[in-house]
Amino acid sequence: GPAVALTVAAQFLLPQTDWGQMLLGGAVGFGLFLLLAFVGRGALGAGDVKLAGVIGLMVGYPLVLPALIIGATAGALSALWLLFARKASRKMTMAYAPYLVLGALVGVWGVLGR
């Protein structure tokens, strides 16, 4: 979609772009979350899967792995806090994208900080 096109276009502005790492990162992010969506039977939506692919394109491989782990951990901690605070129940759903974006920001800052 548009996010993929913009991410790839933005890579032309970065002289240190490693296209192999970028494409592998996108494939790993998308593939990993697609697998988790199938195994989790609806725990992740198609938007989360696509976002993981875009994050992979943005940070490349191998940084896609810690970026997604940070996002998933932040989402899990938030869900646990909501459960313990009785602000949510196990049957409720929550938006996962903000936490994935948090992981992506950490990953992007890691890339730019090199």
PDB file of N, CA and C in Angstrom:
ATOM      1  N   GLY A   1       0.788  -1.169   0.000  1.00  0.00           N
ATOM      2  CA  GLY A   1       0.000   0.000   0.000  1.00  0.00           C
ATOM      3  C   GLY A   1       0.848   1.258   0.000  1.00  0.00           C
ATOM      4  N   PRO A   2       0.234   2.363   0.317  1.00  0.00           N
ATOM      5  CA  PRO A   2       0.918   3.656   0.317  1.00  0.00           C
ATOM      6  C   PRO A   2       2.085   3.717   1.299  1.00  0.00           C
ATOM      7  N   ALA A   3       1.956   3.087   2.455  1.00  0.00           N
ATOM      8  CA  ALA A   3       3.043   3.129   3.444  1.00  0.00           C
ATOM      9  C   ALA A   3       4.291   2.428   2.913  1.00  0.00           C
ATOM     10  N   VAL A   4       4.095   1.337   2.199  1.00  0.00           N
ATOM     11  CA  VAL A   4       5.235   0.625   1.614  1.00  0.00           C
ATOM     12  C   VAL A   4       5.905   1.509   0.568  1.00  0.00           C
ATOM     13  N   ALA A   5       5.105   2.118  -0.298  1.00  0.00           N
ATOM     14  CA  ALA A   5       5.651   2.978  -1.350  1.00  0.00           C
ATOM     15  C   ALA A   5       6.418   4.160  -0.756  1.00  0.00           C
ATOM     16  N   LEU A   6       5.858   4.796   0.269  1.00  0.00           N
ATOM     17  CA  LEU A   6       6.536   5.932   0.894  1.00  0.00           C
ATOM     18  C   LEU A   6       7.815   5.500   1.597  1.00  0.00           C
ATOM     19  N   THR A   7       7.792   4.350   2.241  1.00  0.00           N
ATOM     20  CA  THR A   7       8.977   3.854   2.934  1.00  0.00           C
ATOM     21  C   THR A   7      10.096   3.557   1.944  1.00  0.00           C
ATOM     22  N   VAL A   8       9.763   2.895   0.856  1.00  0.00           N
ATOM     23  CA  VAL A   8      10.773   2.591  -0.165  1.00  0.00           C
ATOM     24  C   VAL A   8      11.284   3.882  -0.797  1.00  0.00           C
ATOM     25  N   ALA A   9      10.388   4.824  -1.093  1.00  0.00           N
ATOM     26  CA  ALA A   9      10.803   6.098  -1.690  1.00  0.00           C
ATOM     27  C   ALA A   9      11.725   6.862  -0.733  1.00  0.00           C
ATOM     28  N   ALA A  10      11.432   6.836   0.548  1.00  0.00           N
ATOM     29  CA  ALA A  10      12.259   7.537   1.529  1.00  0.00           C
ATOM     30  C   ALA A  10      13.665   6.952   1.601  1.00  0.00           C
ATOM     31  N   GLN A  11      13.801   5.687   1.290  1.00  0.00           N
ATOM     32  CA  GLN A  11      15.124   5.050   1.333  1.00  0.00           C
ATOM     33  C   GLN A  11      16.077   5.672   0.314  1.00  0.00           C
ATOM     34  N   PHE A  12      15.542   6.257  -0.746  1.00  0.00           N
ATOM     35  CA  PHE A  12      16.391   6.912  -1.744  1.00  0.00           C
ATOM     36  C   PHE A  12      17.069   8.157  -1.164  1.00  0.00           C
ATOM     37  N   LEU A  13      16.497   8.711  -0.091  1.00  0.00           N
ATOM     38  CA  LEU A  13      17.067   9.906   0.535  1.00  0.00           C
ATOM     39  C   LEU A  13      18.194   9.562   1.503  1.00  0.00           C
ATOM     40  N   LEU A  14      18.307   8.292   1.866  1.00  0.00           N
ATOM     41  CA  LEU A  14      19.337   7.864   2.812  1.00  0.00           C
ATOM     42  C   LEU A  14      20.490   7.218   2.049  1.00  0.00           C
ATOM     43  N   PRO A  15      21.639   7.857   2.031  1.00  0.00           N
ATOM     44  CA  PRO A  15      22.746   7.336   1.231  1.00  0.00           C
ATOM     45  C   PRO A  15      23.261   5.975   1.716  1.00  0.00           C
ATOM     46  N   GLN A  16      23.052   5.645   2.975  1.00  0.00           N
ATOM     47  CA  GLN A  16      23.577   4.390   3.507  1.00  0.00           C
ATOM     48  C   GLN A  16      22.582   3.231   3.378  1.00  0.00           C
ATOM     49  N   THR A  17      21.553   3.377   2.585  1.00  0.00           N
ATOM     50  CA  THR A  17      20.546   2.337   2.442  1.00  0.00           C
ATOM     51  C   THR A  17      21.164   1.039   1.929  1.00  0.00           C
ATOM     52  N   ASP A  18      20.912  -0.026   2.664  1.00  0.00           N
ATOM     53  CA  ASP A  18      21.291  -1.372   2.221  1.00  0.00           C
ATOM     54  C   ASP A  18      19.989  -2.034   1.780  1.00  0.00           C
ATOM     55  N   TRP A  19      19.781  -2.103   0.467  1.00  0.00           N
ATOM     56  CA  TRP A  19      18.515  -2.578  -0.070  1.00  0.00           C
ATOM     57  C   TRP A  19      18.243  -4.027   0.314  1.00  0.00           C
ATOM     58  N   GLY A  20      19.264  -4.842   0.410  1.00  0.00           N
ATOM     59  CA  GLY A  20      19.090  -6.231   0.813  1.00  0.00           C
ATOM     60  C   GLY A  20      18.568  -6.335   2.233  1.00  0.00           C
ATOM     61  N   GLN A  21      19.163  -5.552   3.149  1.00  0.00           N
ATOM     62  CA  GLN A  21      18.702  -5.550   4.541  1.00  0.00           C
ATOM     63  C   GLN A  21      17.286  -5.006   4.651  1.00  0.00           C
ATOM     64  N   MET A  22      16.984  -3.979   3.860  1.00  0.00           N
ATOM     65  CA  MET A  22      15.655  -3.383   3.889  1.00  0.00           C
ATOM     66  C   MET A  22      14.594  -4.395   3.440  1.00  0.00           C
ATOM     67  N   LEU A  23      14.833  -5.041   2.306  1.00  0.00           N
ATOM     68  CA  LEU A  23      13.851  -5.996   1.782  1.00  0.00           C
ATOM     69  C   LEU A  23      13.729  -7.233   2.676  1.00  0.00           C
ATOM     70  N   LEU A  24      14.855  -7.705   3.210  1.00  0.00           N
ATOM     71  CA  LEU A  24      14.802  -8.849   4.120  1.00  0.00           C
ATOM     72  C   LEU A  24      14.057  -8.482   5.395  1.00  0.00           C
ATOM     73  N   GLY A  25      14.277  -7.275   5.896  1.00  0.00           N
ATOM     74  CA  GLY A  25      13.556  -6.807   7.083  1.00  0.00           C
ATOM     75  C   GLY A  25      12.051  -6.780   6.853  1.00  0.00           C
ATOM     76  N   GLY A  26      11.647  -6.283   5.685  1.00  0.00           N
ATOM     77  CA  GLY A  26      10.216  -6.258   5.352  1.00  0.00           C
ATOM     78  C   GLY A  26       9.631  -7.653   5.271  1.00  0.00           C
ATOM     79  N   ALA A  27      10.366  -8.561   4.640  1.00  0.00           N
ATOM     80  CA  ALA A  27       9.887  -9.943   4.501  1.00  0.00           C
ATOM     81  C   ALA A  27       9.813 -10.641   5.860  1.00  0.00           C
ATOM     82  N   VAL A  28      10.820 -10.416   6.711  1.00  0.00           N
ATOM     83  CA  VAL A  28      10.829 -11.045   8.039  1.00  0.00           C
ATOM     84  C   VAL A  28       9.687 -10.500   8.895  1.00  0.00           C
ATOM     85  N   GLY A  29       9.521  -9.181   8.913  1.00  0.00           N
ATOM     86  CA  GLY A  29       8.445  -8.579   9.711  1.00  0.00           C
ATOM     87  C   GLY A  29       7.075  -9.065   9.266  1.00  0.00           C
ATOM     88  N   PHE A  30       6.832  -9.004   7.962  1.00  0.00           N
ATOM     89  CA  PHE A  30       5.550  -9.436   7.411  1.00  0.00           C
ATOM     90  C   PHE A  30       5.338 -10.928   7.650  1.00  0.00           C
ATOM     91  N   GLY A  31       6.340 -11.733   7.320  1.00  0.00           N
ATOM     92  CA  GLY A  31       6.213 -13.193   7.452  1.00  0.00           C
ATOM     93  C   GLY A  31       6.018 -13.639   8.889  1.00  0.00           C
ATOM     94  N   LEU A  32       6.784 -13.049   9.805  1.00  0.00           N
ATOM     95  CA  LEU A  32       6.662 -13.420  11.219  1.00  0.00           C
ATOM     96  C   LEU A  32       5.266 -13.104  11.748  1.00  0.00           C
ATOM     97  N   PHE A  33       4.771 -11.916  11.456  1.00  0.00           N
ATOM     98  CA  PHE A  33       3.448 -11.549  11.955  1.00  0.00           C
ATOM     99  C   PHE A  33       2.330 -12.281  11.224  1.00  0.00           C
ATOM    100  N   LEU A  34       2.547 -12.629   9.966  1.00  0.00           N
ATOM    101  CA  LEU A  34       1.558 -13.440   9.254  1.00  0.00           C
ATOM    102  C   LEU A  34       1.449 -14.811   9.915  1.00  0.00           C
ATOM    103  N   LEU A  35       2.588 -15.394  10.256  1.00  0.00           N
ATOM    104  CA  LEU A  35       2.598 -16.673  10.958  1.00  0.00           C
ATOM    105  C   LEU A  35       1.903 -16.556  12.315  1.00  0.00           C
ATOM    106  N   LEU A  36       2.211 -15.486  13.057  1.00  0.00           N
ATOM    107  CA  LEU A  36       1.571 -15.282  14.364  1.00  0.00           C
ATOM    108  C   LEU A  36       0.064 -15.066  14.220  1.00  0.00           C
ATOM    109  N   ALA A  37      -0.360 -14.405  13.150  1.00  0.00           N
ATOM    110  CA  ALA A  37      -1.793 -14.192  12.919  1.00  0.00           C
ATOM    111  C   ALA A  37      -2.503 -15.519  12.687  1.00  0.00           C
ATOM    112  N   PHE A  38      -1.867 -16.421  11.931  1.00  0.00           N
ATOM    113  CA  PHE A  38      -2.476 -17.733  11.686  1.00  0.00           C
ATOM    114  C   PHE A  38      -2.486 -18.579  12.950  1.00  0.00           C
ATOM    115  N   VAL A  39      -1.369 -18.601  13.649  1.00  0.00           N
ATOM    116  CA  VAL A  39      -1.265 -19.417  14.870  1.00  0.00           C
ATOM    117  C   VAL A  39      -2.183 -18.866  15.960  1.00  0.00           C
ATOM    118  N   GLY A  40      -2.253 -17.534  16.063  1.00  0.00           N
ATOM    119  CA  GLY A  40      -3.058 -16.898  17.104  1.00  0.00           C
ATOM    120  C   GLY A  40      -4.541 -16.854  16.796  1.00  0.00           C
ATOM    121  N   ARG A  41      -4.933 -17.291  15.617  1.00  0.00           N
ATOM    122  CA  ARG A  41      -6.356 -17.328  15.214  1.00  0.00           C
ATOM    123  C   ARG A  41      -7.099 -16.043  15.551  1.00  0.00           C
ATOM    124  N   GLY A  42      -6.645 -14.968  14.949  1.00  0.00           N
ATOM    125  CA  GLY A  42      -7.346 -13.703  15.116  1.00  0.00           C
ATOM    126  C   GLY A  42      -6.739 -12.787  16.160  1.00  0.00           C
ATOM    127  N   ALA A  43      -5.658 -13.210  16.809  1.00  0.00           N
ATOM    128  CA  ALA A  43      -5.033 -12.356  17.809  1.00  0.00           C
ATOM    129  C   ALA A  43      -4.419 -11.113  17.164  1.00  0.00           C
ATOM    130  N   LEU A  44      -3.984 -11.245  15.935  1.00  0.00           N
ATOM    131  CA  LEU A  44      -3.440 -10.123  15.174  1.00  0.00           C
ATOM    132  C   LEU A  44      -4.288  -9.917  13.935  1.00  0.00           C
ATOM    133  N   GLY A  45      -4.522  -8.671  13.600  1.00  0.00           N
ATOM    134  CA  GLY A  45      -5.286  -8.373  12.397  1.00  0.00           C
ATOM    135  C   GLY A  45      -4.376  -8.168  11.199  1.00  0.00           C
ATOM    136  N   ALA A  46      -4.975  -8.061  10.034  1.00  0.00           N
ATOM    137  CA  ALA A  46      -4.218  -7.858   8.796  1.00  0.00           C
ATOM    138  C   ALA A  46      -3.433  -6.551   8.837  1.00  0.00           C
ATOM    139  N   GLY A  47      -3.980  -5.536   9.496  1.00  0.00           N
ATOM    140  CA  GLY A  47      -3.275  -4.260   9.621  1.00  0.00           C
ATOM    141  C   GLY A  47      -1.988  -4.404  10.421  1.00  0.00           C
ATOM    142  N   ASP A  48      -2.022  -5.216  11.478  1.00  0.00           N
ATOM    143  CA  ASP A  48      -0.822  -5.461  12.278  1.00  0.00           C
ATOM    144  C   ASP A  48       0.237  -6.179  11.446  1.00  0.00           C
ATOM    145  N   VAL A  49      -0.192  -7.132  10.630  1.00  0.00           N
ATOM    146  CA  VAL A  49       0.732  -7.883   9.779  1.00  0.00           C
ATOM    147  C   VAL A  49       1.391  -6.943   8.771  1.00  0.00           C
ATOM    148  N   LYS A  50       0.592  -6.103   8.127  1.00  0.00           N
ATOM    149  CA  LYS A  50       1.143  -5.163   7.149  1.00  0.00           C
ATOM    150  C   LYS A  50       2.069  -4.146   7.816  1.00  0.00           C
ATOM    151  N   LEU A  51       1.682  -3.671   8.994  1.00  0.00           N
ATOM    152  CA  LEU A  51       2.510  -2.715   9.722  1.00  0.00           C
ATOM    153  C   LEU A  51       3.859  -3.333  10.087  1.00  0.00           C
ATOM    154  N   ALA A  52       3.873  -4.593  10.493  1.00  0.00           N
ATOM    155  CA  ALA A  52       5.128  -5.268  10.815  1.00  0.00           C
ATOM    156  C   ALA A  52       6.033  -5.330   9.577  1.00  0.00           C
ATOM    157  N   GLY A  53       5.441  -5.522   8.403  1.00  0.00           N
ATOM    158  CA  GLY A  53       6.213  -5.519   7.170  1.00  0.00           C
ATOM    159  C   GLY A  53       6.806  -4.150   6.871  1.00  0.00           C
ATOM    160  N   VAL A  54       6.028  -3.105   7.080  1.00  0.00           N
ATOM    161  CA  VAL A  54       6.511  -1.736   6.853  1.00  0.00           C
ATOM    162  C   VAL A  54       7.618  -1.404   7.851  1.00  0.00           C
ATOM    163  N   ILE A  55       7.438  -1.811   9.099  1.00  0.00           N
ATOM    164  CA  ILE A  55       8.478  -1.580  10.105  1.00  0.00           C
ATOM    165  C   ILE A  55       9.767  -2.279   9.677  1.00  0.00           C
ATOM    166  N   GLY A  56       9.637  -3.495   9.174  1.00  0.00           N
ATOM    167  CA  GLY A  56      10.808  -4.211   8.683  1.00  0.00           C
ATOM    168  C   GLY A  56      11.500  -3.476   7.555  1.00  0.00           C
ATOM    169  N   LEU A  57      10.723  -2.891   6.642  1.00  0.00           N
ATOM    170  CA  LEU A  57      11.314  -2.101   5.558  1.00  0.00           C
ATOM    171  C   LEU A  57      12.032  -0.869   6.107  1.00  0.00           C
ATOM    172  N   MET A  58      11.455  -0.256   7.136  1.00  0.00           N
ATOM    173  CA  MET A  58      12.025   0.968   7.684  1.00  0.00           C
ATOM    174  C   MET A  58      13.339   0.716   8.402  1.00  0.00           C
ATOM    175  N   VAL A  59      13.406  -0.317   9.215  1.00  0.00           N
ATOM    176  CA  VAL A  59      14.605  -0.530  10.036  1.00  0.00           C
ATOM    177  C   VAL A  59      15.536  -1.580   9.459  1.00  0.00           C
ATOM    178  N   GLY A  60      15.035  -2.412   8.550  1.00  0.00           N
ATOM    179  CA  GLY A  60      15.861  -3.445   7.926  1.00  0.00           C
ATOM    180  C   GLY A  60      16.115  -4.632   8.834  1.00  0.00           C
ATOM    181  N   TYR A  61      16.835  -5.584   8.254  1.00  0.00           N
ATOM    182  CA  TYR A  61      17.214  -6.768   9.015  1.00  0.00           C
ATOM    183  C   TYR A  61      18.647  -6.566   9.489  1.00  0.00           C
ATOM    184  N   PRO A  62      18.975  -6.845  10.698  1.00  0.00           N
ATOM    185  CA  PRO A  62      18.270  -7.605  11.726  1.00  0.00           C
ATOM    186  C   PRO A  62      17.494  -6.744  12.719  1.00  0.00           C
ATOM    187  N   LEU A  63      17.503  -5.397  12.570  1.00  0.00           N
ATOM    188  CA  LEU A  63      16.844  -4.535  13.558  1.00  0.00           C
ATOM    189  C   LEU A  63      15.340  -4.717  13.628  1.00  0.00           C
ATOM    190  N   VAL A  64      14.741  -5.337  12.612  1.00  0.00           N
ATOM    191  CA  VAL A  64      13.306  -5.583  12.649  1.00  0.00           C
ATOM    192  C   VAL A  64      12.943  -6.462  13.844  1.00  0.00           C
ATOM    193  N   LEU A  65      13.803  -7.395  14.203  1.00  0.00           N
ATOM    194  CA  LEU A  65      13.488  -8.310  15.302  1.00  0.00           C
ATOM    195  C   LEU A  65      13.400  -7.585  16.645  1.00  0.00           C
ATOM    196  N   PRO A  66      14.415  -6.815  17.065  1.00  0.00           N
ATOM    197  CA  PRO A  66      14.251  -6.103  18.328  1.00  0.00           C
ATOM    198  C   PRO A  66      13.148  -5.043  18.273  1.00  0.00           C
ATOM    199  N   ALA A  67      12.949  -4.401  17.113  1.00  0.00           N
ATOM    200  CA  ALA A  67      11.880  -3.403  17.016  1.00  0.00           C
ATOM    201  C   ALA A  67      10.522  -4.049  17.275  1.00  0.00           C
ATOM    202  N   LEU A  68      10.269  -5.209  16.678  1.00  0.00           N
ATOM    203  CA  LEU A  68       8.987  -5.889  16.891  1.00  0.00           C
ATOM    204  C   LEU A  68       8.889  -6.480  18.292  1.00  0.00           C
ATOM    205  N   ILE A  69       9.996  -6.952  18.826  1.00  0.00           N
ATOM    206  CA  ILE A  69       9.980  -7.488  20.197  1.00  0.00           C
ATOM    207  C   ILE A  69       9.679  -6.375  21.196  1.00  0.00           C
ATOM    208  N   ILE A  70      10.285  -5.201  21.003  1.00  0.00           N
ATOM    209  CA  ILE A  70      10.011  -4.069  21.891  1.00  0.00           C
ATOM    210  C   ILE A  70       8.541  -3.675  21.799  1.00  0.00           C
ATOM    211  N   GLY A  71       8.008  -3.591  20.584  1.00  0.00           N
ATOM    212  CA  GLY A  71       6.598  -3.248  20.414  1.00  0.00           C
ATOM    213  C   GLY A  71       5.670  -4.280  21.023  1.00  0.00           C
ATOM    214  N   ALA A  72       5.961  -5.562  20.801  1.00  0.00           N
ATOM    215  CA  ALA A  72       5.122  -6.624  21.356  1.00  0.00           C
ATOM    216  C   ALA A  72       5.188  -6.631  22.873  1.00  0.00           C
ATOM    217  N   THR A  73       6.370  -6.398  23.426  1.00  0.00           N
ATOM    218  CA  THR A  73       6.520  -6.364  24.884  1.00  0.00           C
ATOM    219  C   THR A  73       5.758  -5.187  25.478  1.00  0.00           C
ATOM    220  N   ALA A  74       5.860  -4.025  24.847  1.00  0.00           N
ATOM    221  CA  ALA A  74       5.121  -2.849  25.329  1.00  0.00           C
ATOM    222  C   ALA A  74       3.616  -3.108  25.291  1.00  0.00           C
ATOM    223  N   GLY A  75       3.131  -3.732  24.224  1.00  0.00           N
ATOM    224  CA  GLY A  75       1.710  -4.063  24.133  1.00  0.00           C
ATOM    225  C   GLY A  75       1.287  -5.062  25.196  1.00  0.00           C
ATOM    226  N   ALA A  76       2.109  -6.071  25.437  1.00  0.00           N
ATOM    227  CA  ALA A  76       1.792  -7.077  26.452  1.00  0.00           C
ATOM    228  C   ALA A  76       1.773  -6.464  27.844  1.00  0.00           C
ATOM    229  N   LEU A  77       2.755  -5.609  28.147  1.00  0.00           N
ATOM    230  CA  LEU A  77       2.784  -4.963  29.464  1.00  0.00           C
ATOM    231  C   LEU A  77       1.574  -4.056  29.665  1.00  0.00           C
ATOM    232  N   SER A  78       1.195  -3.360  28.615  1.00  0.00           N
ATOM    233  CA  SER A  78       0.008  -2.507  28.697  1.00  0.00           C
ATOM    234  C   SER A  78      -1.253  -3.341  28.926  1.00  0.00           C
ATOM    235  N   ALA A  79      -1.370  -4.442  28.211  1.00  0.00           N
ATOM    236  CA  ALA A  79      -2.534  -5.315  28.381  1.00  0.00           C
ATOM    237  C   ALA A  79      -2.581  -5.881  29.797  1.00  0.00           C
ATOM    238  N   LEU A  80      -1.430  -6.307  30.308  1.00  0.00           N
ATOM    239  CA  LEU A  80      -1.386  -6.831  31.680  1.00  0.00           C
ATOM    240  C   LEU A  80      -1.782  -5.767  32.689  1.00  0.00           C
ATOM    241  N   TRP A  81      -1.285  -4.552  32.487  1.00  0.00           N
ATOM    242  CA  TRP A  81      -1.643  -3.470  33.399  1.00  0.00           C
ATOM    243  C   TRP A  81      -3.154  -3.217  33.362  1.00  0.00           C
ATOM    244  N   LEU A  82      -3.734  -3.194  32.179  1.00  0.00           N
ATOM    245  CA  LEU A  82      -5.181  -2.987  32.052  1.00  0.00           C
ATOM    246  C   LEU A  82      -5.968  -4.101  32.729  1.00  0.00           C
ATOM    247  N   LEU A  83      -5.487  -5.337  32.615  1.00  0.00           N
ATOM    248  CA  LEU A  83      -6.158  -6.466  33.269  1.00  0.00           C
ATOM    249  C   LEU A  83      -6.070  -6.352  34.785  1.00  0.00           C
ATOM    250  N   PHE A  84      -4.871  -6.087  35.287  1.00  0.00           N
ATOM    251  CA  PHE A  84      -4.697  -5.993  36.745  1.00  0.00           C
ATOM    252  C   PHE A  84      -5.409  -4.788  37.342  1.00  0.00           C
ATOM    253  N   ALA A  85      -5.504  -3.709  36.590  1.00  0.00           N
ATOM    254  CA  ALA A  85      -6.208  -2.514  37.052  1.00  0.00           C
ATOM    255  C   ALA A  85      -7.718  -2.636  36.847  1.00  0.00           C
ATOM    256  N   ARG A  86      -8.136  -3.742  36.273  1.00  0.00           N
ATOM    257  CA  ARG A  86      -9.548  -4.015  35.981  1.00  0.00           C
ATOM    258  C   ARG A  86     -10.181  -2.971  35.070  1.00  0.00           C
ATOM    259  N   LYS A  87      -9.373  -2.474  34.172  1.00  0.00           N
ATOM    260  CA  LYS A  87      -9.854  -1.532  33.149  1.00  0.00           C
ATOM    261  C   LYS A  87     -10.237  -2.282  31.879  1.00  0.00           C
ATOM    262  N   ALA A  88      -9.887  -3.582  31.840  1.00  0.00           N
ATOM    263  CA  ALA A  88     -10.174  -4.404  30.669  1.00  0.00           C
ATOM    264  C   ALA A  88     -10.386  -5.841  31.132  1.00  0.00           C
ATOM    265  N   SER A  89     -11.020  -6.618  30.255  1.00  0.00           N
ATOM    266  CA  SER A  89     -11.204  -8.041  30.526  1.00  0.00           C
ATOM    267  C   SER A  89     -10.464  -8.839  29.452  1.00  0.00           C
ATOM    268  N   ARG A  90     -10.323 -10.118  29.689  1.00  0.00           N
ATOM    269  CA  ARG A  90      -9.608 -10.972  28.725  1.00  0.00           C
ATOM    270  C   ARG A  90     -10.325 -11.055  27.380  1.00  0.00           C
ATOM    271  N   LYS A  91     -11.612 -10.765  27.352  1.00  0.00           N
ATOM    272  CA  LYS A  91     -12.377 -10.871  26.109  1.00  0.00           C
ATOM    273  C   LYS A  91     -12.310  -9.597  25.265  1.00  0.00           C
ATOM    274  N   MET A  92     -11.761  -8.537  25.827  1.00  0.00           N
ATOM    275  CA  MET A  92     -11.675  -7.270  25.097  1.00  0.00           C
ATOM    276  C   MET A  92     -10.486  -7.295  24.141  1.00  0.00           C
ATOM    277  N   THR A  93     -10.571  -6.454  23.140  1.00  0.00           N
ATOM    278  CA  THR A  93      -9.441  -6.288  22.215  1.00  0.00           C
ATOM    279  C   THR A  93      -8.831  -4.912  22.451  1.00  0.00           C
ATOM    280  N   MET A  94      -7.604  -4.765  21.991  1.00  0.00           N
ATOM    281  CA  MET A  94      -6.946  -3.465  22.096  1.00  0.00           C
ATOM    282  C   MET A  94      -6.160  -3.202  20.821  1.00  0.00           C
ATOM    283  N   ALA A  95      -5.950  -1.944  20.556  1.00  0.00           N
ATOM    284  CA  ALA A  95      -5.165  -1.567  19.384  1.00  0.00           C
ATOM    285  C   ALA A  95      -3.700  -1.907  19.653  1.00  0.00           C
ATOM    286  N   TYR A  96      -3.101  -2.642  18.736  1.00  0.00           N
ATOM    287  CA  TYR A  96      -1.725  -3.097  18.879  1.00  0.00           C
ATOM    288  C   TYR A  96      -0.755  -2.187  18.138  1.00  0.00           C
ATOM    289  N   ALA A  97      -1.244  -1.468  17.138  1.00  0.00           N
ATOM    290  CA  ALA A  97      -0.394  -0.642  16.280  1.00  0.00           C
ATOM    291  C   ALA A  97       0.415   0.406  17.048  1.00  0.00           C
ATOM    292  N   PRO A  98      -0.143   1.106  18.042  1.00  0.00           N
ATOM    293  CA  PRO A  98       0.680   2.112  18.735  1.00  0.00           C
ATOM    294  C   PRO A  98       1.926   1.511  19.387  1.00  0.00           C
ATOM    295  N   TYR A  99       1.811   0.297  19.869  1.00  0.00           N
ATOM    296  CA  TYR A  99       2.951  -0.349  20.519  1.00  0.00           C
ATOM    297  C   TYR A  99       3.967  -0.813  19.482  1.00  0.00           C
ATOM    298  N   LEU A 100       3.495  -1.264  18.338  1.00  0.00           N
ATOM    299  CA  LEU A 100       4.405  -1.631  17.255  1.00  0.00           C
ATOM    300  C   LEU A 100       5.152  -0.397  16.744  1.00  0.00           C
ATOM    301  N   VAL A 101       4.456   0.720  16.669  1.00  0.00           N
ATOM    302  CA  VAL A 101       5.091   1.966  16.239  1.00  0.00           C
ATOM    303  C   VAL A 101       6.144   2.401  17.261  1.00  0.00           C
ATOM    304  N   LEU A 102       5.873   2.210  18.545  1.00  0.00           N
ATOM    305  CA  LEU A 102       6.864   2.513  19.572  1.00  0.00           C
ATOM    306  C   LEU A 102       8.136   1.699  19.327  1.00  0.00           C
ATOM    307  N   GLY A 103       7.993   0.413  19.063  1.00  0.00           N
ATOM    308  CA  GLY A 103       9.146  -0.424  18.756  1.00  0.00           C
ATOM    309  C   GLY A 103       9.858   0.043  17.498  1.00  0.00           C
ATOM    310  N   ALA A 104       9.083   0.484  16.499  1.00  0.00           N
ATOM    311  CA  ALA A 104       9.683   0.983  15.253  1.00  0.00           C
ATOM    312  C   ALA A 104      10.480   2.252  15.509  1.00  0.00           C
ATOM    313  N   LEU A 105       9.948   3.135  16.343  1.00  0.00           N
ATOM    314  CA  LEU A 105      10.678   4.370  16.655  1.00  0.00           C
ATOM    315  C   LEU A 105      12.007   4.056  17.331  1.00  0.00           C
ATOM    316  N   VAL A 106      11.991   3.123  18.254  1.00  0.00           N
ATOM    317  CA  VAL A 106      13.240   2.718  18.903  1.00  0.00           C
ATOM    318  C   VAL A 106      14.200   2.155  17.857  1.00  0.00           C
ATOM    319  N   GLY A 107      13.677   1.344  16.940  1.00  0.00           N
ATOM    320  CA  GLY A 107      14.502   0.791  15.877  1.00  0.00           C
ATOM    321  C   GLY A 107      15.051   1.853  14.937  1.00  0.00           C
ATOM    322  N   VAL A 108      14.220   2.811  14.554  1.00  0.00           N
ATOM    323  CA  VAL A 108      14.655   3.886  13.657  1.00  0.00           C
ATOM    324  C   VAL A 108      15.708   4.739  14.356  1.00  0.00           C
ATOM    325  N   TRP A 109      15.492   5.050  15.622  1.00  0.00           N
ATOM    326  CA  TRP A 109      16.494   5.823  16.348  1.00  0.00           C
ATOM    327  C   TRP A 109      17.805   5.055  16.423  1.00  0.00           C
ATOM    328  N   GLY A 110      17.722   3.736  16.530  1.00  0.00           N
ATOM    329  CA  GLY A 110      18.930   2.920  16.533  1.00  0.00           C
ATOM    330  C   GLY A 110      19.656   2.992  15.204  1.00  0.00           C
ATOM    331  N   VAL A 111      18.889   3.001  14.103  1.00  0.00           N
ATOM    332  CA  VAL A 111      19.475   3.105  12.767  1.00  0.00           C
ATOM    333  C   VAL A 111      20.117   4.473  12.577  1.00  0.00           C
ATOM    334  N   LEU A 112      19.398   5.527  12.957  1.00  0.00           N
ATOM    335  CA  LEU A 112      19.897   6.867  12.743  1.00  0.00           C
ATOM    336  C   LEU A 112      21.034   7.204  13.697  1.00  0.00           C
ATOM    337  N   GLY A 113      21.091   6.516  14.817  1.00  0.00           N
ATOM    338  CA  GLY A 113      22.120   6.778  15.820  1.00  0.00           C
ATOM    339  C   GLY A 113      23.452   6.112  15.513  1.00  0.00           C
ATOM    340  N   ARG A 114      23.516   5.301  14.454  1.00  0.00           N
ATOM    341  CA  ARG A 114      24.778   4.611  14.126  1.00  0.00           C
ATOM    342  C   ARG A 114      25.836   5.565  13.668  1.00  0.00           C
TER     343      ARG A 114
END
